[in-house]
Amino acid sequence: MQDFISVTGIIIKQMPVGESDRRITILTNTRGKISVFARGARKPNSRFAATTCPFCFGSFKHYEGRDAYNLADVDIKNYFEEFRSDLEGSFYAAYFAEIVDYYCRENNDEREMMKLFYQSLRALCNENLPDKLIRAVYELKSIVVNGEYPGPPGDMPLSESALYTLDFICNTPVESLYRFKVTEGVLAEVRAVSEKYRKRFMEHNFKSLDMLDGIEGE
């Protein structure tokens, strides 16, 4: 009898395998980051065709095969379809997914990172929140969640408002994180800190970052 494993999770990336299969990487609530094979998912009539794309959030049922997990069933709660028509938003989402992939491991407790990723994707879909602010918050909170945040940098002159914002990002639960706005000046200060700490703590060449920096520089 086949033993099935059910997890709540969000797909962070997918890649084609063979002629019609797909391998998806899921950030889950109980098993950290896992890779699962979706047999026949690239066939147009496959029930997995639309449910194994990046950013799909929901329940995934899989079983352990000889060499890998295999997908058995999916119940998607949020497809984040907004990114199909929002090219700029999709670049931010892809960058956030790369950070998840960088930090997270299988069998680790990655619930906070999963919540942060999900809430950050929701924030990107909110037209009232600036994407640049969401990016800075996401970078800094990722560093906080992974236990690397050292506090405000002592070698950067920061306004009281910027220091308050950094403290808010550090100490506010993820569910309430994206409920504020700041002035352009404070945003510039917070972004300078997030950039400094990203280079210090995330020693990785994120593929989507060059494109994202190009968009923000326009």
C-alpha atoms as a PDB file:
ATOM      1  CA  MET A   1       0.000   0.000   0.000  1.00  0.00           C
ATOM      2  CA  GLN A   2       1.337   3.401  -1.009  1.00  0.00           C
ATOM      3  CA  ASP A   3       2.066   5.825   1.844  1.00  0.00           C
ATOM      4  CA  PHE A   4       1.119   9.368   0.888  1.00  0.00           C
ATOM      5  CA  ILE A   5       2.600  12.524   2.402  1.00  0.00           C
ATOM      6  CA  SER A   6       0.527  15.719   2.417  1.00  0.00           C
ATOM      7  CA  VAL A   7       2.105  19.138   2.887  1.00  0.00           C
ATOM      8  CA  THR A   8       1.092  22.761   2.555  1.00  0.00           C
ATOM      9  CA  GLY A   9       3.545  24.644   0.423  1.00  0.00           C
ATOM     10  CA  ILE A  10       4.390  27.028  -2.359  1.00  0.00           C
ATOM     11  CA  ILE A  11       6.301  26.220  -5.541  1.00  0.00           C
ATOM     12  CA  ILE A  12       9.507  28.214  -5.868  1.00  0.00           C
ATOM     13  CA  LYS A  13      10.743  26.809  -9.178  1.00  0.00           C
ATOM     14  CA  GLN A  14      10.142  24.178 -11.841  1.00  0.00           C
ATOM     15  CA  MET A  15      12.188  22.603 -14.590  1.00  0.00           C
ATOM     16  CA  PRO A  16      11.380  20.246 -17.483  1.00  0.00           C
ATOM     17  CA  VAL A  17      12.454  16.620 -17.228  1.00  0.00           C
ATOM     18  CA  GLY A  18      12.412  14.208 -20.141  1.00  0.00           C
ATOM     19  CA  GLU A  19       9.758  14.623 -22.807  1.00  0.00           C
ATOM     20  CA  SER A  20       6.740  15.462 -20.678  1.00  0.00           C
ATOM     21  CA  ASP A  21       7.617  15.500 -16.963  1.00  0.00           C
ATOM     22  CA  ARG A  22       8.369  18.379 -14.646  1.00  0.00           C
ATOM     23  CA  ARG A  23      10.361  18.655 -11.447  1.00  0.00           C
ATOM     24  CA  ILE A  24       9.075  21.192  -8.974  1.00  0.00           C
ATOM     25  CA  THR A  25      10.722  22.573  -5.861  1.00  0.00           C
ATOM     26  CA  ILE A  26       8.268  23.272  -3.047  1.00  0.00           C
ATOM     27  CA  LEU A  27       8.818  25.190   0.163  1.00  0.00           C
ATOM     28  CA  THR A  28       6.651  23.337   2.674  1.00  0.00           C
ATOM     29  CA  ASN A  29       5.323  23.883   6.172  1.00  0.00           C
ATOM     30  CA  THR A  30       6.663  20.631   7.627  1.00  0.00           C
ATOM     31  CA  ARG A  31       9.499  19.291   5.462  1.00  0.00           C
ATOM     32  CA  GLY A  32      11.382  22.394   4.410  1.00  0.00           C
ATOM     33  CA  LYS A  33      12.361  22.605   0.748  1.00  0.00           C
ATOM     34  CA  ILE A  34      11.656  19.467  -1.256  1.00  0.00           C
ATOM     35  CA  SER A  35      11.836  18.413  -4.914  1.00  0.00           C
ATOM     36  CA  VAL A  36       8.950  16.450  -6.398  1.00  0.00           C
ATOM     37  CA  PHE A  37       8.493  14.904  -9.844  1.00  0.00           C
ATOM     38  CA  ALA A  38       5.197  15.578 -11.611  1.00  0.00           C
ATOM     39  CA  ARG A  39       4.769  12.883 -14.233  1.00  0.00           C
ATOM     40  CA  GLY A  40       3.289  14.124 -17.513  1.00  0.00           C
ATOM     41  CA  ALA A  41       2.859  17.672 -16.165  1.00  0.00           C
ATOM     42  CA  ARG A  42       3.976  19.257 -19.461  1.00  0.00           C
ATOM     43  CA  LYS A  43       1.250  17.542 -21.461  1.00  0.00           C
ATOM     44  CA  PRO A  44      -1.503  20.038 -22.390  1.00  0.00           C
ATOM     45  CA  ASN A  45      -4.242  17.829 -20.974  1.00  0.00           C
ATOM     46  CA  SER A  46      -2.433  16.980 -17.746  1.00  0.00           C
ATOM     47  CA  ARG A  47      -4.193  17.822 -14.494  1.00  0.00           C
ATOM     48  CA  PHE A  48      -0.787  18.984 -13.247  1.00  0.00           C
ATOM     49  CA  ALA A  49      -0.115  21.384 -16.146  1.00  0.00           C
ATOM     50  CA  ALA A  50      -1.421  24.509 -14.396  1.00  0.00           C
ATOM     51  CA  THR A  51      -0.864  23.390 -10.821  1.00  0.00           C
ATOM     52  CA  THR A  52       2.904  22.881 -10.951  1.00  0.00           C
ATOM     53  CA  CYS A  53       3.935  26.407 -11.945  1.00  0.00           C
ATOM     54  CA  PRO A  54       6.022  28.767  -9.803  1.00  0.00           C
ATOM     55  CA  PHE A  55       4.187  30.589  -6.997  1.00  0.00           C
ATOM     56  CA  CYS A  56       1.268  28.116  -6.844  1.00  0.00           C
ATOM     57  CA  PHE A  57       0.282  27.808  -3.172  1.00  0.00           C
ATOM     58  CA  GLY A  58      -1.794  24.993  -1.723  1.00  0.00           C
ATOM     59  CA  SER A  59      -1.754  21.366  -0.619  1.00  0.00           C
ATOM     60  CA  PHE A  60       0.511  18.822  -2.288  1.00  0.00           C
ATOM     61  CA  LYS A  61       0.159  15.078  -1.863  1.00  0.00           C
ATOM     62  CA  HIS A  62       3.156  12.977  -2.856  1.00  0.00           C
ATOM     63  CA  TYR A  63       4.742   9.608  -2.236  1.00  0.00           C
ATOM     64  CA  GLU A  64       8.309   8.456  -1.887  1.00  0.00           C
ATOM     65  CA  GLY A  65       9.628   6.601  -4.917  1.00  0.00           C
ATOM     66  CA  ARG A  66      12.869   4.736  -5.331  1.00  0.00           C
ATOM     67  CA  ASP A  67      14.956   7.873  -5.918  1.00  0.00           C
ATOM     68  CA  ALA A  68      12.614  10.826  -5.429  1.00  0.00           C
ATOM     69  CA  TYR A  69       9.223  12.117  -4.344  1.00  0.00           C
ATOM     70  CA  ASN A  70       6.428  11.772  -6.904  1.00  0.00           C
ATOM     71  CA  LEU A  71       3.373  14.008  -7.069  1.00  0.00           C
ATOM     72  CA  ALA A  72       0.010  12.303  -6.556  1.00  0.00           C
ATOM     73  CA  ASP A  73      -2.484  15.147  -6.098  1.00  0.00           C
ATOM     74  CA  VAL A  74      -2.664  18.942  -5.795  1.00  0.00           C
ATOM     75  CA  ASP A  75      -5.183  21.387  -4.344  1.00  0.00           C
ATOM     76  CA  ILE A  76      -4.141  24.945  -5.219  1.00  0.00           C
ATOM     77  CA  LYS A  77      -5.501  27.780  -3.076  1.00  0.00           C
ATOM     78  CA  ASN A  78      -3.727  30.658  -4.802  1.00  0.00           C
ATOM     79  CA  TYR A  79      -2.200  30.612  -8.292  1.00  0.00           C
ATOM     80  CA  PHE A  80      -0.910  34.211  -8.077  1.00  0.00           C
ATOM     81  CA  GLU A  81      -2.178  34.726 -11.604  1.00  0.00           C
ATOM     82  CA  GLU A  82      -1.407  38.443 -11.290  1.00  0.00           C
ATOM     83  CA  PHE A  83       2.217  37.749 -12.214  1.00  0.00           C
ATOM     84  CA  ARG A  84       1.206  36.439 -15.637  1.00  0.00           C
ATOM     85  CA  SER A  85       0.247  39.961 -16.698  1.00  0.00           C
ATOM     86  CA  ASP A  86       2.584  41.938 -14.417  1.00  0.00           C
ATOM     87  CA  LEU A  87       6.065  41.473 -15.882  1.00  0.00           C
ATOM     88  CA  GLU A  88       7.778  43.719 -13.347  1.00  0.00           C
ATOM     89  CA  GLY A  89       6.022  42.005 -10.448  1.00  0.00           C
ATOM     90  CA  SER A  90       7.066  38.622 -11.817  1.00  0.00           C
ATOM     91  CA  PHE A  91      10.731  39.679 -11.718  1.00  0.00           C
ATOM     92  CA  TYR A  92      10.405  40.614  -8.044  1.00  0.00           C
ATOM     93  CA  ALA A  93       8.621  37.326  -7.336  1.00  0.00           C
ATOM     94  CA  ALA A  94      11.357  35.361  -9.120  1.00  0.00           C
ATOM     95  CA  TYR A  95      14.032  37.155  -7.100  1.00  0.00           C
ATOM     96  CA  PHE A  96      12.205  36.424  -3.841  1.00  0.00           C
ATOM     97  CA  ALA A  97      11.996  32.753  -4.865  1.00  0.00           C
ATOM     98  CA  GLU A  98      15.758  32.687  -5.454  1.00  0.00           C
ATOM     99  CA  ILE A  99      16.345  33.941  -1.909  1.00  0.00           C
ATOM    100  CA  VAL A 100      14.089  31.167  -0.598  1.00  0.00           C
ATOM    101  CA  ASP A 101      16.040  28.628  -2.623  1.00  0.00           C
ATOM    102  CA  TYR A 102      19.318  30.037  -1.279  1.00  0.00           C
ATOM    103  CA  TYR A 103      18.358  29.907   2.401  1.00  0.00           C
ATOM    104  CA  CYS A 104      16.053  26.912   2.768  1.00  0.00           C
ATOM    105  CA  ARG A 105      16.936  23.222   3.164  1.00  0.00           C
ATOM    106  CA  GLU A 106      15.064  19.938   3.243  1.00  0.00           C
ATOM    107  CA  ASN A 107      13.809  18.789   6.667  1.00  0.00           C
ATOM    108  CA  ASN A 108      14.470  22.220   8.193  1.00  0.00           C
ATOM    109  CA  ASP A 109      11.744  24.194   9.923  1.00  0.00           C
ATOM    110  CA  GLU A 110      11.135  26.761   7.198  1.00  0.00           C
ATOM    111  CA  ARG A 111       7.648  27.889   8.253  1.00  0.00           C
ATOM    112  CA  GLU A 112       8.696  31.498   8.823  1.00  0.00           C
ATOM    113  CA  MET A 113      10.364  31.704   5.415  1.00  0.00           C
ATOM    114  CA  MET A 114       7.286  30.170   3.796  1.00  0.00           C
ATOM    115  CA  LYS A 115       5.039  32.721   5.487  1.00  0.00           C
ATOM    116  CA  LEU A 116       7.403  35.534   4.533  1.00  0.00           C
ATOM    117  CA  PHE A 117       7.526  34.427   0.900  1.00  0.00           C
ATOM    118  CA  TYR A 118       3.754  34.032   0.667  1.00  0.00           C
ATOM    119  CA  GLN A 119       2.962  37.355   2.350  1.00  0.00           C
ATOM    120  CA  SER A 120       5.555  39.114   0.191  1.00  0.00           C
ATOM    121  CA  LEU A 121       3.957  37.761  -2.996  1.00  0.00           C
ATOM    122  CA  ARG A 122       0.609  39.040  -1.742  1.00  0.00           C
ATOM    123  CA  ALA A 123       2.199  42.418  -1.061  1.00  0.00           C
ATOM    124  CA  LEU A 124       3.520  42.561  -4.646  1.00  0.00           C
ATOM    125  CA  CYS A 125      -0.089  42.177  -5.810  1.00  0.00           C
ATOM    126  CA  ASN A 126      -1.115  45.227  -3.767  1.00  0.00           C
ATOM    127  CA  GLU A 127      -0.930  48.265  -6.034  1.00  0.00           C
ATOM    128  CA  ASN A 128      -0.777  50.580  -3.011  1.00  0.00           C
ATOM    129  CA  LEU A 129       2.591  49.254  -1.841  1.00  0.00           C
ATOM    130  CA  PRO A 130       5.823  50.254  -3.629  1.00  0.00           C
ATOM    131  CA  ASP A 131       7.730  47.252  -4.974  1.00  0.00           C
ATOM    132  CA  LYS A 132      11.042  48.779  -3.900  1.00  0.00           C
ATOM    133  CA  LEU A 133       9.835  48.912  -0.286  1.00  0.00           C
ATOM    134  CA  ILE A 134       8.603  45.308  -0.471  1.00  0.00           C
ATOM    135  CA  ARG A 135      11.994  44.219  -1.776  1.00  0.00           C
ATOM    136  CA  ALA A 136      13.903  45.970   1.020  1.00  0.00           C
ATOM    137  CA  VAL A 137      11.576  44.550   3.667  1.00  0.00           C
ATOM    138  CA  TYR A 138      11.844  41.052   2.190  1.00  0.00           C
ATOM    139  CA  GLU A 139      15.644  41.123   2.032  1.00  0.00           C
ATOM    140  CA  LEU A 140      15.986  42.365   5.599  1.00  0.00           C
ATOM    141  CA  LYS A 141      13.336  40.064   7.066  1.00  0.00           C
ATOM    142  CA  SER A 142      14.928  37.057   5.324  1.00  0.00           C
ATOM    143  CA  ILE A 143      18.161  37.904   7.093  1.00  0.00           C
ATOM    144  CA  VAL A 144      16.282  38.295  10.392  1.00  0.00           C
ATOM    145  CA  VAL A 145      14.413  34.975  10.017  1.00  0.00           C
ATOM    146  CA  ASN A 146      17.680  33.165   9.367  1.00  0.00           C
ATOM    147  CA  GLY A 147      19.309  34.609  12.473  1.00  0.00           C
ATOM    148  CA  GLU A 148      21.891  36.788  10.767  1.00  0.00           C
ATOM    149  CA  TYR A 149      20.594  40.318  11.320  1.00  0.00           C
ATOM    150  CA  PRO A 150      23.176  42.228  13.412  1.00  0.00           C
ATOM    151  CA  GLY A 151      21.088  45.328  14.078  1.00  0.00           C
ATOM    152  CA  PRO A 152      21.403  48.728  12.391  1.00  0.00           C
ATOM    153  CA  PRO A 153      24.853  49.296  10.878  1.00  0.00           C
ATOM    154  CA  GLY A 154      26.977  51.499  13.070  1.00  0.00           C
ATOM    155  CA  ASP A 155      28.871  52.986  10.144  1.00  0.00           C
ATOM    156  CA  MET A 156      25.819  54.485   8.409  1.00  0.00           C
ATOM    157  CA  PRO A 157      24.159  57.732   9.542  1.00  0.00           C
ATOM    158  CA  LEU A 158      20.441  56.894   9.775  1.00  0.00           C
ATOM    159  CA  SER A 159      17.476  59.074  10.664  1.00  0.00           C
ATOM    160  CA  GLU A 160      15.211  58.235  13.601  1.00  0.00           C
ATOM    161  CA  SER A 161      12.482  57.276  11.140  1.00  0.00           C
ATOM    162  CA  ALA A 162      14.800  54.840   9.344  1.00  0.00           C
ATOM    163  CA  LEU A 163      15.891  53.302  12.659  1.00  0.00           C
ATOM    164  CA  TYR A 164      12.248  52.921  13.680  1.00  0.00           C
ATOM    165  CA  THR A 165      11.468  51.261  10.340  1.00  0.00           C
ATOM    166  CA  LEU A 166      14.343  48.804  10.725  1.00  0.00           C
ATOM    167  CA  ASP A 167      13.171  47.941  14.229  1.00  0.00           C
ATOM    168  CA  PHE A 168       9.622  47.428  12.929  1.00  0.00           C
ATOM    169  CA  ILE A 169      10.829  45.084  10.181  1.00  0.00           C
ATOM    170  CA  CYS A 170      12.942  43.121  12.640  1.00  0.00           C
ATOM    171  CA  ASN A 171      10.324  42.662  15.360  1.00  0.00           C
ATOM    172  CA  THR A 172       6.956  42.594  13.609  1.00  0.00           C
ATOM    173  CA  PRO A 173       5.343  39.215  12.845  1.00  0.00           C
ATOM    174  CA  VAL A 174       5.331  38.364   9.154  1.00  0.00           C
ATOM    175  CA  GLU A 175       1.535  38.461   8.987  1.00  0.00           C
ATOM    176  CA  SER A 176       1.557  42.170   9.895  1.00  0.00           C
ATOM    177  CA  LEU A 177       4.741  43.177   8.108  1.00  0.00           C
ATOM    178  CA  TYR A 178       3.380  44.946   5.026  1.00  0.00           C
ATOM    179  CA  ARG A 179       1.134  47.484   6.681  1.00  0.00           C
ATOM    180  CA  PHE A 180       3.184  50.639   6.470  1.00  0.00           C
ATOM    181  CA  LYS A 181       4.613  53.174   4.066  1.00  0.00           C
ATOM    182  CA  VAL A 182       7.588  55.504   4.367  1.00  0.00           C
ATOM    183  CA  THR A 183       8.810  58.667   2.704  1.00  0.00           C
ATOM    184  CA  GLU A 184      11.151  58.451  -0.264  1.00  0.00           C
ATOM    185  CA  GLY A 185      14.020  59.587   1.951  1.00  0.00           C
ATOM    186  CA  VAL A 186      13.444  56.891   4.563  1.00  0.00           C
ATOM    187  CA  LEU A 187      12.976  54.296   1.837  1.00  0.00           C
ATOM    188  CA  ALA A 188      16.364  55.241   0.390  1.00  0.00           C
ATOM    189  CA  GLU A 189      17.988  54.759   3.812  1.00  0.00           C
ATOM    190  CA  VAL A 190      16.306  51.385   4.403  1.00  0.00           C
ATOM    191  CA  ARG A 191      17.216  50.210   0.909  1.00  0.00           C
ATOM    192  CA  ALA A 192      20.847  51.189   1.519  1.00  0.00           C
ATOM    193  CA  VAL A 193      20.870  49.008   4.641  1.00  0.00           C
ATOM    194  CA  SER A 194      19.188  46.082   2.874  1.00  0.00           C
ATOM    195  CA  GLU A 195      21.682  46.324   0.014  1.00  0.00           C
ATOM    196  CA  LYS A 196      24.621  46.421   2.410  1.00  0.00           C
ATOM    197  CA  TYR A 197      23.404  43.392   4.355  1.00  0.00           C
ATOM    198  CA  ARG A 198      22.368  41.437   1.260  1.00  0.00           C
ATOM    199  CA  LYS A 199      25.914  41.662  -0.071  1.00  0.00           C
ATOM    200  CA  ARG A 200      27.307  40.766   3.345  1.00  0.00           C
ATOM    201  CA  PHE A 201      25.080  37.820   4.231  1.00  0.00           C
ATOM    202  CA  MET A 202      23.833  36.460   0.883  1.00  0.00           C
ATOM    203  CA  GLU A 203      27.003  35.501  -0.926  1.00  0.00           C
ATOM    204  CA  HIS A 204      25.262  34.333  -4.054  1.00  0.00           C
ATOM    205  CA  ASN A 205      24.790  35.469  -7.634  1.00  0.00           C
ATOM    206  CA  PHE A 206      21.011  35.747  -7.989  1.00  0.00           C
ATOM    207  CA  LYS A 207      20.123  35.379 -11.661  1.00  0.00           C
ATOM    208  CA  SER A 208      17.095  37.669 -11.542  1.00  0.00           C
ATOM    209  CA  LEU A 209      18.877  40.459  -9.682  1.00  0.00           C
ATOM    210  CA  ASP A 210      20.541  42.097 -12.705  1.00  0.00           C
ATOM    211  CA  MET A 211      17.205  42.350 -14.490  1.00  0.00           C
ATOM    212  CA  LEU A 212      15.527  43.677 -11.356  1.00  0.00           C
ATOM    213  CA  ASP A 213      18.224  46.279 -10.759  1.00  0.00           C
ATOM    214  CA  GLY A 214      17.818  47.368 -14.381  1.00  0.00           C
ATOM    215  CA  ILE A 215      14.091  47.866 -13.899  1.00  0.00           C
ATOM    216  CA  GLU A 216      14.537  49.818 -10.681  1.00  0.00           C
ATOM    217  CA  GLY A 217      17.183  52.011 -12.301  1.00  0.00           C
ATOM    218  CA  GLU A 218      14.891  53.092 -15.129  1.00  0.00           C
END
